[in-house]
Amino acid sequence: MRDEATVQALVVFGGVVLAAWNMSLAVPIGLLYLLPIVIAIELGKSRHRTGWMWGVFLGWLGVLILACMRAQARTA
């Protein structure tokens, strides 16, 4: 039978491992999902298009498509 200090140590250790695991997932999520949105917004500004939609819905594929597009003609 485990004493109370051992159980508390296991709970704290489990919490630290879980926090480290969650933080290790933050970087790939940022690179795979959030970074294309930021890049698409900047590409959209230079091409007079709504770039955030390309980044949100298509991710990196949307960034590539947007990079291949020509700038829209401005209407007065």
C-alpha atoms as a PDB file:
ATOM      1  CA  MET A   1       0.000   0.000   0.000  1.00  0.00           C
ATOM      2  CA  ARG A   2       1.347   3.436  -0.977  1.00  0.00           C
ATOM      3  CA  ASP A   3       1.531   6.245   1.501  1.00  0.00           C
ATOM      4  CA  GLU A   4       0.110   9.703   0.872  1.00  0.00           C
ATOM      5  CA  ALA A   5       3.455  11.335  -0.024  1.00  0.00           C
ATOM      6  CA  THR A   6       4.088   8.791  -2.787  1.00  0.00           C
ATOM      7  CA  VAL A   7       0.646   9.358  -4.280  1.00  0.00           C
ATOM      8  CA  GLN A   8       1.159  13.129  -4.207  1.00  0.00           C
ATOM      9  CA  ALA A   9       4.554  12.769  -5.876  1.00  0.00           C
ATOM     10  CA  LEU A  10       3.041  10.617  -8.631  1.00  0.00           C
ATOM     11  CA  VAL A  11       0.249  13.132  -9.211  1.00  0.00           C
ATOM     12  CA  VAL A  12       2.720  16.039  -9.437  1.00  0.00           C
ATOM     13  CA  PHE A  13       4.987  14.038 -11.760  1.00  0.00           C
ATOM     14  CA  GLY A  14       2.007  13.152 -13.957  1.00  0.00           C
ATOM     15  CA  GLY A  15       0.996  16.804 -14.108  1.00  0.00           C
ATOM     16  CA  VAL A  16       4.485  17.888 -15.142  1.00  0.00           C
ATOM     17  CA  VAL A  17       4.640  15.219 -17.859  1.00  0.00           C
ATOM     18  CA  LEU A  18       1.202  16.214 -19.143  1.00  0.00           C
ATOM     19  CA  ALA A  19       2.147  19.909 -19.243  1.00  0.00           C
ATOM     20  CA  ALA A  20       5.376  19.144 -21.113  1.00  0.00           C
ATOM     21  CA  TRP A  21       3.466  16.983 -23.607  1.00  0.00           C
ATOM     22  CA  ASN A  22       0.942  19.767 -24.225  1.00  0.00           C
ATOM     23  CA  MET A  23       3.682  22.354 -24.742  1.00  0.00           C
ATOM     24  CA  SER A  24       5.480  20.042 -27.163  1.00  0.00           C
ATOM     25  CA  LEU A  25       2.299  19.953 -29.253  1.00  0.00           C
ATOM     26  CA  ALA A  26       2.025  23.754 -29.358  1.00  0.00           C
ATOM     27  CA  VAL A  27       4.965  24.173 -31.747  1.00  0.00           C
ATOM     28  CA  PRO A  28       3.744  21.739 -34.443  1.00  0.00           C
ATOM     29  CA  ILE A  29       0.212  23.135 -34.243  1.00  0.00           C
ATOM     30  CA  GLY A  30       1.604  26.638 -34.679  1.00  0.00           C
ATOM     31  CA  LEU A  31       3.729  25.645 -37.651  1.00  0.00           C
ATOM     32  CA  LEU A  32       1.137  23.483 -39.348  1.00  0.00           C
ATOM     33  CA  TYR A  33      -1.992  25.554 -38.780  1.00  0.00           C
ATOM     34  CA  LEU A  34      -1.317  29.116 -37.617  1.00  0.00           C
ATOM     35  CA  LEU A  35       1.737  29.968 -39.720  1.00  0.00           C
ATOM     36  CA  PRO A  36      -0.027  29.416 -43.088  1.00  0.00           C
ATOM     37  CA  ILE A  37      -2.798  31.780 -41.982  1.00  0.00           C
ATOM     38  CA  VAL A  38      -0.298  34.555 -41.205  1.00  0.00           C
ATOM     39  CA  ILE A  39       1.574  34.008 -44.479  1.00  0.00           C
ATOM     40  CA  ALA A  40      -1.676  33.907 -46.480  1.00  0.00           C
ATOM     41  CA  ILE A  41      -2.814  37.194 -44.927  1.00  0.00           C
ATOM     42  CA  GLU A  42       0.400  38.897 -46.026  1.00  0.00           C
ATOM     43  CA  LEU A  43       0.215  37.377 -49.520  1.00  0.00           C
ATOM     44  CA  GLY A  44      -3.430  38.399 -49.764  1.00  0.00           C
ATOM     45  CA  LYS A  45      -2.601  42.016 -48.986  1.00  0.00           C
ATOM     46  CA  SER A  46      -0.093  42.194 -51.818  1.00  0.00           C
ATOM     47  CA  ARG A  47      -2.549  40.575 -54.244  1.00  0.00           C
ATOM     48  CA  HIS A  48      -5.684  42.458 -53.077  1.00  0.00           C
ATOM     49  CA  ARG A  49      -7.434  39.243 -51.986  1.00  0.00           C
ATOM     50  CA  THR A  50      -8.809  37.823 -48.746  1.00  0.00           C
ATOM     51  CA  GLY A  51      -5.757  35.778 -47.842  1.00  0.00           C
ATOM     52  CA  TRP A  52      -6.900  34.625 -44.416  1.00  0.00           C
ATOM     53  CA  MET A  53      -9.597  32.462 -45.988  1.00  0.00           C
ATOM     54  CA  TRP A  54      -7.023  30.638 -48.117  1.00  0.00           C
ATOM     55  CA  GLY A  55      -4.870  30.013 -45.056  1.00  0.00           C
ATOM     56  CA  VAL A  56      -7.696  28.882 -42.774  1.00  0.00           C
ATOM     57  CA  PHE A  57      -9.501  26.562 -45.144  1.00  0.00           C
ATOM     58  CA  LEU A  58      -6.626  25.153 -47.213  1.00  0.00           C
ATOM     59  CA  GLY A  59      -3.557  25.671 -45.024  1.00  0.00           C
ATOM     60  CA  TRP A  60      -0.238  25.348 -46.834  1.00  0.00           C
ATOM     61  CA  LEU A  61      -2.008  24.416 -50.076  1.00  0.00           C
ATOM     62  CA  GLY A  62      -3.876  27.728 -49.876  1.00  0.00           C
ATOM     63  CA  VAL A  63      -0.591  29.583 -49.409  1.00  0.00           C
ATOM     64  CA  LEU A  64       0.826  27.912 -52.534  1.00  0.00           C
ATOM     65  CA  ILE A  65      -2.295  28.694 -54.569  1.00  0.00           C
ATOM     66  CA  LEU A  66      -2.303  32.288 -53.366  1.00  0.00           C
ATOM     67  CA  ALA A  67       1.398  32.643 -54.184  1.00  0.00           C
ATOM     68  CA  CYS A  68       0.690  31.593 -57.793  1.00  0.00           C
ATOM     69  CA  MET A  69      -2.184  34.066 -58.256  1.00  0.00           C
ATOM     70  CA  ARG A  70      -1.778  37.414 -59.909  1.00  0.00           C
ATOM     71  CA  ALA A  71      -2.817  40.615 -58.219  1.00  0.00           C
ATOM     72  CA  GLN A  72      -6.423  41.600 -58.798  1.00  0.00           C
ATOM     73  CA  ALA A  73      -7.111  44.819 -60.649  1.00  0.00           C
ATOM     74  CA  ARG A  74      -8.335  47.502 -58.309  1.00  0.00           C
ATOM     75  CA  THR A  75     -11.791  48.914 -59.006  1.00  0.00           C
ATOM     76  CA  ALA A  76     -12.336  52.587 -58.470  1.00  0.00           C
END
